[in-house]
Amino acid sequence: MEKEPIAVQGIKITGLRRYPQSLVQQELKKVHQAQTFGALLEEIDAATQNLNQTDLFDDVKTSIGGADAQGVHVTIHLSEKKPYKLKVGATTSGAADEVRYEAAGTLRGFL
């Protein structure tokens, strides 16, 4: 089945709210060009890893469906991370007069 010829008829992207669709489509170019089922699975895996490495998404899932004479349809389900992260803390070293405060923040997707 891996060497079975296949054509990708379309790719649907769901779950995008803050980021442009072109950001995801860029990672999916090779998925659309896959010519065998095995190549399609490899390209979907690579695209999923690349999208996860952007640190913009909590979850990236894909599904393949709608197989007919013209090909298959691929759906990418995305769950975006919050655009910010804030961490605040305080520590002591045991001495009554020594207290250390720490704060850190992260902004994501500052495109």
Foldseek 3Di string as FASTA:
>chain_A
DQAAFFAAPEEAEDADDPDDPVVLVVLCPQLRVDTGNNSNVVSVVSSLVVVVVLVFFPDWDKDWDDQDPRGIYMYIYTHTDPQKDKDWDKDAPPDPVGIDIDIDMGGHDPD
